[in-house]
């Protein structure tokens, strides 16, 4: 979907499943800029008959391609066997809301990875009632700075309410936990 603002509503996460076994960063099961997803299962899974040269497929890949975008994911099961189940590269004033989801992953990355572009700030991430678990023991949530972002002054506000998560990595002090956050299982 890329640049599109798309809303997808399934009947239930058990009945509505979107998946692929590509294992490729550019060909994830769902690639979207803004909108909403509800009541679905989205997963990137391995095909035992296939040899993979690249193993970096998110189940959901969000690149906002512009400021002031919103994205909501609610009542979904999100899973990847290639690393991060959900990855987001955001722009200023982006709001991402994750509510009542099960987010799990296997592999060398995190369940959830999020970053703003270099020198940009003003994004918000809301975690409400999610179960987030990396099945291989890696960090569940990471707000990261990749190559080219080391000197960024990006600022992201994080609201976390009643989530079950074990490990959170707020890479720098620019990622600020909202004062209204409470009831989470991780030390945040």
Protein backbone atom coordinates (compact mmCIF):
# COMPACT_ATOMS: atom_id res chain seq x y z
CA UNK A 1 0.00 0.00 0.00
CA UNK A 2 2.95 2.35 0.61
CA UNK A 3 1.65 5.92 0.33
CA UNK A 4 -2.00 5.03 0.83
CA UNK A 5 -4.28 5.59 3.77
CA UNK A 6 -6.05 2.22 4.00
CA UNK A 7 -8.54 0.84 6.54
CA UNK A 8 -8.87 -2.94 6.84
CA UNK A 9 -11.43 -4.48 9.21
CA UNK A 10 -11.62 -8.25 9.53
CA UNK A 11 -14.32 -10.29 11.23
CA UNK A 12 -11.82 -11.89 13.63
CA UNK A 13 -8.11 -12.59 13.92
CA UNK A 14 -8.88 -16.32 13.63
CA UNK A 15 -10.79 -15.98 10.36
CA UNK A 16 -8.91 -13.17 8.58
CA UNK A 17 -5.25 -14.00 7.97
CA UNK A 18 -2.83 -12.09 5.77
CA UNK A 19 0.59 -13.74 5.38
CA UNK A 20 3.53 -14.41 3.12
CA UNK A 21 6.78 -16.34 3.25
CA UNK A 22 9.00 -14.01 1.19
CA UNK A 23 11.38 -13.06 4.03
CA UNK A 24 12.09 -9.80 2.20
CA UNK A 25 12.15 -6.26 3.64
CA UNK A 26 10.47 -4.80 0.54
CA UNK A 27 7.76 -7.46 0.24
CA UNK A 28 6.12 -7.77 3.63
CA UNK A 29 2.59 -9.10 4.18
CA UNK A 30 1.38 -5.54 4.86
CA UNK A 31 3.19 -2.34 3.84
CA UNK A 32 1.20 0.75 4.67
CA UNK A 33 1.56 4.47 5.36
CA UNK A 34 -1.53 5.35 7.41
CA UNK A 35 -5.02 4.11 8.28
CA UNK A 36 -6.16 1.24 10.48
CA UNK A 37 -6.19 -2.52 10.80
CA UNK A 38 -8.60 -4.39 13.07
CA UNK A 39 -9.47 -8.00 13.86
CA UNK A 40 -6.82 -9.71 11.70
CA UNK A 41 -3.77 -11.92 11.84
CA UNK A 42 -0.77 -10.65 9.88
CA UNK A 43 2.30 -12.88 9.73
CA UNK A 44 5.59 -13.34 7.92
CA UNK A 45 6.46 -17.03 8.15
CA UNK A 46 9.18 -19.34 6.86
CA UNK A 47 8.57 -21.86 4.12
CA UNK A 48 10.58 -24.98 5.06
CA UNK A 49 11.08 -25.74 1.36
CA UNK A 50 12.67 -22.35 0.63
CA UNK A 51 16.25 -21.07 1.02
CA UNK A 52 16.37 -17.45 2.16
CA UNK A 53 19.10 -15.01 1.09
CA UNK A 54 17.55 -12.15 3.04
CA UNK A 55 15.75 -12.50 6.36
CA UNK A 56 14.31 -9.14 7.28
CA UNK A 57 10.58 -9.25 6.64
CA UNK A 58 8.29 -7.43 9.04
CA UNK A 59 4.75 -8.70 9.30
CA UNK A 60 3.68 -5.04 9.15
CA UNK A 61 5.95 -2.39 7.65
CA UNK A 62 4.88 1.22 8.20
CA UNK A 63 6.63 4.08 6.42
CA UNK A 64 4.63 7.26 6.79
CA UNK A 65 5.93 9.21 3.75
CA UNK A 66 4.89 12.56 5.18
CA UNK A 67 3.98 14.38 8.38
CA UNK A 68 0.69 14.23 10.29
CA UNK A 69 -0.20 10.58 9.57
CA UNK A 70 -2.06 8.27 11.96
CA UNK A 71 -2.13 4.50 12.08
CA UNK A 72 -4.17 2.30 14.44
CA UNK A 73 -3.82 -1.44 14.93
CA UNK A 74 -6.41 -3.09 17.16
CA UNK A 75 -7.34 -6.68 18.12
CA UNK A 76 -4.72 -8.20 15.81
CA UNK A 77 -2.18 -11.00 15.99
CA UNK A 78 1.11 -9.82 14.47
CA UNK A 79 3.95 -12.32 14.01
CA UNK A 80 7.23 -12.61 12.11
CA UNK A 81 9.76 -15.42 11.92
CA UNK A 82 12.31 -13.10 10.25
CA UNK A 83 12.84 -10.46 12.94
CA UNK A 84 10.64 -7.54 13.91
CA UNK A 85 6.93 -8.26 13.71
CA UNK A 86 6.23 -4.56 13.29
CA UNK A 87 8.62 -1.92 12.00
CA UNK A 88 7.90 1.77 11.57
CA UNK A 89 9.83 4.66 10.06
CA UNK A 90 7.85 7.77 10.95
CA UNK A 91 7.73 11.47 10.15
CA UNK A 92 6.83 14.43 12.44
CA UNK A 93 3.44 14.34 14.20
CA UNK A 94 2.94 10.65 13.41
CA UNK A 95 0.61 8.89 15.85
CA UNK A 96 0.71 5.10 16.06
CA UNK A 97 -1.80 3.39 18.36
CA UNK A 98 -1.47 -0.33 19.19
CA UNK A 99 -4.45 -1.61 21.19
CA UNK A 100 -5.25 -5.13 22.43
CA UNK A 101 -2.83 -6.92 20.08
CA UNK A 102 -0.64 -9.99 20.39
CA UNK A 103 2.75 -9.11 18.89
CA UNK A 104 5.38 -11.86 18.73
CA UNK A 105 8.55 -12.50 16.76
CA UNK A 106 11.48 -14.86 16.23
CA UNK A 107 14.89 -14.04 14.80
CA UNK A 108 17.60 -11.45 15.26
CA UNK A 109 15.56 -8.31 15.75
CA UNK A 110 12.87 -6.92 18.08
CA UNK A 111 9.11 -7.44 18.11
CA UNK A 112 8.58 -3.72 17.55
CA UNK A 113 11.12 -1.30 16.04
CA UNK A 114 10.40 2.42 15.59
CA UNK A 115 12.38 5.45 14.45
CA UNK A 116 11.93 8.97 13.14
CA UNK A 117 13.98 10.44 10.33
CA UNK A 118 17.19 12.31 11.18
CA UNK A 119 16.49 15.69 12.74
CA UNK A 120 12.73 15.11 12.95
CA UNK A 121 10.63 15.02 16.11
CA UNK A 122 7.13 15.09 17.47
CA UNK A 123 5.81 11.54 17.07
CA UNK A 124 3.61 9.61 19.51
CA UNK A 125 3.32 5.85 20.08
CA UNK A 126 0.49 4.48 22.24
CA UNK A 127 0.64 0.93 23.59
CA UNK A 128 -2.67 -0.04 25.25
CA UNK A 129 -3.40 -3.57 26.50
CA UNK A 130 -0.94 -5.46 24.26
CA UNK A 131 0.93 -8.71 24.81
CA UNK A 132 4.39 -8.28 23.27
CA UNK A 133 6.90 -11.14 23.39
CA UNK A 134 10.06 -12.07 21.51
CA UNK A 135 10.13 -15.87 21.33
CA UNK A 136 13.95 -16.01 21.06
CA UNK A 137 14.60 -13.73 24.03
CA UNK A 138 15.49 -10.48 22.24
CA UNK A 139 14.20 -7.07 23.32
CA UNK A 140 10.49 -6.74 22.67
CA UNK A 141 10.31 -2.98 22.02
CA UNK A 142 13.08 -0.80 20.66
CA UNK A 143 13.04 2.83 19.70
CA UNK A 144 16.11 2.89 17.55
CA UNK A 145 18.57 4.97 15.66
CA UNK A 146 19.91 3.30 12.60
CA UNK A 147 22.78 4.29 10.32
CA UNK A 148 22.55 7.98 9.54
CA UNK A 149 20.46 8.75 12.63
CA UNK A 150 23.23 8.78 15.27
CA UNK A 151 23.18 12.58 15.74
CA UNK A 152 19.44 12.97 15.53
CA UNK A 153 17.55 14.96 18.14
CA UNK A 154 14.34 13.07 17.46
CA UNK A 155 11.74 13.09 20.22
CA UNK A 156 9.00 10.50 20.57
CA UNK A 157 6.32 10.48 23.26
CA UNK A 158 5.38 6.97 24.42
CA UNK A 159 2.13 6.19 26.25
CA UNK A 160 2.00 2.66 27.69
CA UNK A 161 -1.03 1.35 29.62
CA UNK A 162 -1.57 -2.26 30.83
CA UNK A 163 0.88 -4.03 28.49
CA UNK A 164 2.57 -7.37 29.09
CA UNK A 165 6.13 -6.90 27.86
CA UNK A 166 9.44 -8.05 29.30
CA UNK A 167 12.20 -5.92 27.74
CA UNK A 168 12.07 -2.33 26.49
CA UNK A 169 15.03 -0.47 25.05
CA UNK A 170 14.62 3.29 24.93
CA UNK A 171 17.90 3.93 23.12
CA UNK A 172 18.28 7.58 24.15
CA UNK A 173 16.58 10.05 26.50
CA UNK A 174 14.77 11.54 23.49
CA UNK A 175 12.16 8.79 23.83
CA UNK A 176 9.98 10.00 26.67
CA UNK A 177 7.50 7.83 28.55
CA UNK A 178 4.28 9.78 29.01
CA UNK A 179 3.44 10.69 32.61
CA UNK A 180 0.06 8.94 32.26
CA UNK A 181 1.61 5.53 31.58
CA UNK A 182 0.81 2.79 34.11
CA UNK A 183 0.14 -0.91 34.69
CA UNK A 184 2.88 -2.36 32.47
CA UNK A 185 4.87 -5.50 33.27
CA UNK A 186 8.24 -4.11 32.08
CA UNK A 187 10.33 -1.58 33.95
CA UNK A 188 9.65 1.44 31.76
